Amino acid sequence: MPSFDVVSELDKHQVTNAIDQSNRLVGNRFDFKGVNARFEQSGANDVVLHAEAEFQVKQMLEILQAELIRKGIDIACLEEGKVEEANKTARMPVKLREGIETELAKKIVKMIKDAKLKVQAQIQGDQVRVTGKKRDDLQEVIALLKGAGLEMPLQFINFRD
């Protein structure tokens, strides 16, 4: 039976490249001359933005978002923290979400069942496996999920006949 998996993954290499490029851009920008502003990657999916003022951190966030888009990463996976100001510095943690949480997976399965397509969807950890008898039904599920406007970017992998 044909099947595929619905996942939400990040290309970690492209994320690292986007952070490095953002650091270079901040270093070259005129409005950041003489300012201790930098992007710091802490962990696989966490980035901390450091600057001297809150408005600079907001500008840095826009730079990071633009670089992520340029590298082909959907910015819907970004979860911005609150800006913390202390000792003439401001920092903002940004989390890059990966994987499908349980509530979102349940929502995806419910959407598929409500569409009355002849497919089965089951949650497997942080992904959803969809199986059906016809390839056309699976393609309808993909179109349904792409048009649903969910809060996480989804990829469709392991398509098997």
C-alpha atoms as a PDB file:
ATOM      1  CA  MET A   1       0.000   0.000   0.000  1.00  0.00           C
ATOM      2  CA  PRO A   2       1.313   3.466  -0.817  1.00  0.00           C
ATOM      3  CA  SER A   3       2.290   5.616   2.158  1.00  0.00           C
ATOM      4  CA  PHE A   4       4.196   8.724   3.163  1.00  0.00           C
ATOM      5  CA  ASP A   5       5.255  10.498   6.355  1.00  0.00           C
ATOM      6  CA  VAL A   6       4.339  14.034   7.415  1.00  0.00           C
ATOM      7  CA  VAL A   7       7.225  15.606   9.352  1.00  0.00           C
ATOM      8  CA  SER A   8       8.544  18.994  10.364  1.00  0.00           C
ATOM      9  CA  GLU A   9      12.331  19.024  10.082  1.00  0.00           C
ATOM     10  CA  LEU A  10      15.062  21.636   9.785  1.00  0.00           C
ATOM     11  CA  ASP A  11      18.204  21.425   7.701  1.00  0.00           C
ATOM     12  CA  LYS A  12      20.681  22.066  10.526  1.00  0.00           C
ATOM     13  CA  HIS A  13      23.503  22.836   8.106  1.00  0.00           C
ATOM     14  CA  GLN A  14      21.457  25.580   6.438  1.00  0.00           C
ATOM     15  CA  VAL A  15      20.461  26.954   9.871  1.00  0.00           C
ATOM     16  CA  THR A  16      24.131  27.207  10.844  1.00  0.00           C
ATOM     17  CA  ASN A  17      24.926  28.897   7.516  1.00  0.00           C
ATOM     18  CA  ALA A  18      22.087  31.407   8.031  1.00  0.00           C
ATOM     19  CA  ILE A  19      23.340  32.277  11.528  1.00  0.00           C
ATOM     20  CA  ASP A  20      26.919  32.725  10.298  1.00  0.00           C
ATOM     21  CA  GLN A  21      25.767  34.902   7.397  1.00  0.00           C
ATOM     22  CA  SER A  22      23.616  36.974   9.772  1.00  0.00           C
ATOM     23  CA  ASN A  23      26.654  37.550  12.002  1.00  0.00           C
ATOM     24  CA  ARG A  24      28.621  38.780   8.977  1.00  0.00           C
ATOM     25  CA  LEU A  25      25.799  41.108   7.922  1.00  0.00           C
ATOM     26  CA  VAL A  26      25.517  42.620  11.400  1.00  0.00           C
ATOM     27  CA  GLY A  27      29.285  43.134  11.475  1.00  0.00           C
ATOM     28  CA  ASN A  28      29.186  45.009   8.159  1.00  0.00           C
ATOM     29  CA  ARG A  29      26.095  47.146   8.712  1.00  0.00           C
ATOM     30  CA  PHE A  30      26.664  50.833   9.362  1.00  0.00           C
ATOM     31  CA  ASP A  31      24.052  51.123  12.116  1.00  0.00           C
ATOM     32  CA  PHE A  32      25.797  48.335  14.072  1.00  0.00           C
ATOM     33  CA  LYS A  33      29.328  49.821  13.883  1.00  0.00           C
ATOM     34  CA  GLY A  34      30.956  49.849  17.316  1.00  0.00           C
ATOM     35  CA  VAL A  35      28.089  47.859  18.821  1.00  0.00           C
ATOM     36  CA  ASN A  36      28.606  44.490  20.457  1.00  0.00           C
ATOM     37  CA  ALA A  37      25.871  42.704  18.484  1.00  0.00           C
ATOM     38  CA  ARG A  38      26.037  39.017  17.650  1.00  0.00           C
ATOM     39  CA  PHE A  39      24.060  35.835  17.077  1.00  0.00           C
ATOM     40  CA  GLU A  40      25.014  32.936  19.299  1.00  0.00           C
ATOM     41  CA  GLN A  41      23.917  29.386  18.582  1.00  0.00           C
ATOM     42  CA  SER A  42      23.356  27.513  21.819  1.00  0.00           C
ATOM     43  CA  GLY A  43      22.341  23.922  21.269  1.00  0.00           C
ATOM     44  CA  ALA A  44      21.045  22.473  18.045  1.00  0.00           C
ATOM     45  CA  ASN A  45      17.829  24.491  17.853  1.00  0.00           C
ATOM     46  CA  ASP A  46      18.443  27.584  19.980  1.00  0.00           C
ATOM     47  CA  VAL A  47      19.815  30.971  18.928  1.00  0.00           C
ATOM     48  CA  VAL A  48      20.430  33.922  21.255  1.00  0.00           C
ATOM     49  CA  LEU A  49      20.540  37.461  19.844  1.00  0.00           C
ATOM     50  CA  HIS A  50      22.806  39.857  21.774  1.00  0.00           C
ATOM     51  CA  ALA A  51      22.872  43.658  21.325  1.00  0.00           C
ATOM     52  CA  GLU A  52      22.946  46.872  23.355  1.00  0.00           C
ATOM     53  CA  ALA A  53      19.283  47.879  22.984  1.00  0.00           C
ATOM     54  CA  GLU A  54      15.921  46.262  22.367  1.00  0.00           C
ATOM     55  CA  PHE A  55      15.388  47.938  18.974  1.00  0.00           C
ATOM     56  CA  GLN A  56      18.738  46.542  17.777  1.00  0.00           C
ATOM     57  CA  VAL A  57      17.677  43.041  18.802  1.00  0.00           C
ATOM     58  CA  LYS A  58      14.460  43.486  16.796  1.00  0.00           C
ATOM     59  CA  GLN A  59      16.506  44.554  13.740  1.00  0.00           C
ATOM     60  CA  MET A  60      18.745  41.524  14.201  1.00  0.00           C
ATOM     61  CA  LEU A  61      15.692  39.270  14.304  1.00  0.00           C
ATOM     62  CA  GLU A  62      14.612  40.615  10.907  1.00  0.00           C
ATOM     63  CA  ILE A  63      18.099  39.930   9.535  1.00  0.00           C
ATOM     64  CA  LEU A  64      17.971  36.352  10.839  1.00  0.00           C
ATOM     65  CA  GLN A  65      14.505  35.797   9.376  1.00  0.00           C
ATOM     66  CA  ALA A  66      15.621  37.094   5.969  1.00  0.00           C
ATOM     67  CA  GLU A  67      18.645  34.775   5.964  1.00  0.00           C
ATOM     68  CA  LEU A  68      16.560  31.766   6.975  1.00  0.00           C
ATOM     69  CA  ILE A  69      14.129  32.495   4.145  1.00  0.00           C
ATOM     70  CA  ARG A  70      17.040  32.867   1.718  1.00  0.00           C
ATOM     71  CA  LYS A  71      18.327  29.436   2.822  1.00  0.00           C
ATOM     72  CA  GLY A  72      14.909  27.849   2.237  1.00  0.00           C
ATOM     73  CA  ILE A  73      13.805  27.486   5.859  1.00  0.00           C
ATOM     74  CA  ASP A  74      10.235  28.448   6.737  1.00  0.00           C
ATOM     75  CA  ILE A  75      10.224  31.056   9.517  1.00  0.00           C
ATOM     76  CA  ALA A  76       6.987  29.651  10.936  1.00  0.00           C
ATOM     77  CA  CYS A  77       9.264  27.341  12.947  1.00  0.00           C
ATOM     78  CA  LEU A  78      10.694  30.315  14.892  1.00  0.00           C
ATOM     79  CA  GLU A  79       9.523  30.796  18.454  1.00  0.00           C
ATOM     80  CA  GLU A  80      10.693  34.165  19.724  1.00  0.00           C
ATOM     81  CA  GLY A  81      11.330  34.687  23.424  1.00  0.00           C
ATOM     82  CA  LYS A  82      10.993  37.900  25.385  1.00  0.00           C
ATOM     83  CA  VAL A  83      13.706  40.537  25.147  1.00  0.00           C
ATOM     84  CA  GLU A  84      15.678  40.656  28.404  1.00  0.00           C
ATOM     85  CA  GLU A  85      17.533  43.873  29.196  1.00  0.00           C
ATOM     86  CA  ALA A  86      20.219  44.076  31.888  1.00  0.00           C
ATOM     87  CA  ASN A  87      23.520  45.962  32.324  1.00  0.00           C
ATOM     88  CA  LYS A  88      23.304  47.916  29.052  1.00  0.00           C
ATOM     89  CA  THR A  89      22.738  44.752  27.057  1.00  0.00           C
ATOM     90  CA  ALA A  90      19.680  43.156  25.570  1.00  0.00           C
ATOM     91  CA  ARG A  91      19.270  39.539  24.623  1.00  0.00           C
ATOM     92  CA  MET A  92      16.504  37.550  23.018  1.00  0.00           C
ATOM     93  CA  PRO A  93      16.325  33.761  22.867  1.00  0.00           C
ATOM     94  CA  VAL A  94      14.873  32.306  19.668  1.00  0.00           C
ATOM     95  CA  LYS A  95      13.917  28.652  19.475  1.00  0.00           C
ATOM     96  CA  LEU A  96      13.764  26.797  16.176  1.00  0.00           C
ATOM     97  CA  ARG A  97      10.930  24.294  16.585  1.00  0.00           C
ATOM     98  CA  GLU A  98      11.279  20.899  14.989  1.00  0.00           C
ATOM     99  CA  GLY A  99       9.031  17.856  15.019  1.00  0.00           C
ATOM    100  CA  ILE A 100       5.260  17.661  15.201  1.00  0.00           C
ATOM    101  CA  GLU A 101       3.871  18.059  18.711  1.00  0.00           C
ATOM    102  CA  THR A 102       1.142  15.675  19.875  1.00  0.00           C
ATOM    103  CA  GLU A 103      -1.678  18.227  19.712  1.00  0.00           C
ATOM    104  CA  LEU A 104      -0.753  19.240  16.168  1.00  0.00           C
ATOM    105  CA  ALA A 105      -0.472  15.582  15.144  1.00  0.00           C
ATOM    106  CA  LYS A 106      -3.953  14.911  16.537  1.00  0.00           C
ATOM    107  CA  LYS A 107      -5.252  17.942  14.635  1.00  0.00           C
ATOM    108  CA  ILE A 108      -3.682  16.652  11.393  1.00  0.00           C
ATOM    109  CA  VAL A 109      -5.199  13.174  11.870  1.00  0.00           C
ATOM    110  CA  LYS A 110      -8.612  14.727  12.606  1.00  0.00           C
ATOM    111  CA  MET A 111      -8.394  16.912   9.463  1.00  0.00           C
ATOM    112  CA  ILE A 112      -7.596  13.863   7.342  1.00  0.00           C
ATOM    113  CA  LYS A 113     -10.463  11.852   8.837  1.00  0.00           C
ATOM    114  CA  ASP A 114     -12.909  14.751   8.432  1.00  0.00           C
ATOM    115  CA  ALA A 115     -11.989  14.998   4.734  1.00  0.00           C
ATOM    116  CA  LYS A 116     -13.528  11.516   4.268  1.00  0.00           C
ATOM    117  CA  LEU A 117     -10.650  10.314   2.088  1.00  0.00           C
ATOM    118  CA  LYS A 118      -9.927   6.593   1.863  1.00  0.00           C
ATOM    119  CA  VAL A 119      -6.679   6.799   3.820  1.00  0.00           C
ATOM    120  CA  GLN A 120      -5.504   5.980   7.319  1.00  0.00           C
ATOM    121  CA  ALA A 121      -3.383   8.343   9.393  1.00  0.00           C
ATOM    122  CA  GLN A 122      -1.486   7.332  12.495  1.00  0.00           C
ATOM    123  CA  ILE A 123       0.827   9.187  14.845  1.00  0.00           C
ATOM    124  CA  GLN A 124       4.338   7.746  15.109  1.00  0.00           C
ATOM    125  CA  GLY A 125       6.397   9.754  17.560  1.00  0.00           C
ATOM    126  CA  ASP A 126       6.938  13.225  16.097  1.00  0.00           C
ATOM    127  CA  GLN A 127       5.581  12.350  12.645  1.00  0.00           C
ATOM    128  CA  VAL A 128       2.319  11.213  11.078  1.00  0.00           C
ATOM    129  CA  ARG A 129       2.200   8.254   8.667  1.00  0.00           C
ATOM    130  CA  VAL A 130      -0.529   8.295   6.026  1.00  0.00           C
ATOM    131  CA  THR A 131      -1.377   5.114   4.105  1.00  0.00           C
ATOM    132  CA  GLY A 132      -3.972   4.469   1.423  1.00  0.00           C
ATOM    133  CA  LYS A 133      -4.760   2.200  -1.499  1.00  0.00           C
ATOM    134  CA  LYS A 134      -4.431   4.825  -4.213  1.00  0.00           C
ATOM    135  CA  ARG A 135      -1.670   7.292  -4.895  1.00  0.00           C
ATOM    136  CA  ASP A 136      -4.274   9.922  -5.861  1.00  0.00           C
ATOM    137  CA  ASP A 137      -5.812   9.789  -2.360  1.00  0.00           C
ATOM    138  CA  LEU A 138      -2.397  10.427  -0.826  1.00  0.00           C
ATOM    139  CA  GLN A 139      -1.845  13.374  -3.149  1.00  0.00           C
ATOM    140  CA  GLU A 140      -5.199  14.790  -2.045  1.00  0.00           C
ATOM    141  CA  VAL A 141      -4.045  14.541   1.576  1.00  0.00           C
ATOM    142  CA  ILE A 142      -0.846  16.427   0.722  1.00  0.00           C
ATOM    143  CA  ALA A 143      -2.863  19.160  -1.016  1.00  0.00           C
ATOM    144  CA  LEU A 144      -5.235  19.316   1.984  1.00  0.00           C
ATOM    145  CA  LEU A 145      -2.392  19.744   4.475  1.00  0.00           C
ATOM    146  CA  LYS A 146      -0.565  22.322   2.327  1.00  0.00           C
ATOM    147  CA  GLY A 147      -3.715  24.424   2.108  1.00  0.00           C
ATOM    148  CA  ALA A 148      -4.596  24.062   5.793  1.00  0.00           C
ATOM    149  CA  GLY A 149      -2.283  26.852   7.008  1.00  0.00           C
ATOM    150  CA  LEU A 150      -0.965  24.978  10.050  1.00  0.00           C
ATOM    151  CA  GLU A 151       1.379  26.747  12.463  1.00  0.00           C
ATOM    152  CA  MET A 152       4.348  24.489  11.622  1.00  0.00           C
ATOM    153  CA  PRO A 153       6.017  24.015   8.233  1.00  0.00           C
ATOM    154  CA  LEU A 154       5.427  20.451   7.031  1.00  0.00           C
ATOM    155  CA  GLN A 155       7.458  18.213   4.755  1.00  0.00           C
ATOM    156  CA  PHE A 156       6.244  15.019   3.118  1.00  0.00           C
ATOM    157  CA  ILE A 157       8.885  12.287   2.993  1.00  0.00           C
ATOM    158  CA  ASN A 158       9.259   8.516   2.457  1.00  0.00           C
ATOM    159  CA  PHE A 159       6.651   8.341  -0.294  1.00  0.00           C
ATOM    160  CA  ARG A 160       6.348   4.651  -1.118  1.00  0.00           C
ATOM    161  CA  ASP A 161       4.235   2.771  -3.650  1.00  0.00           C
END
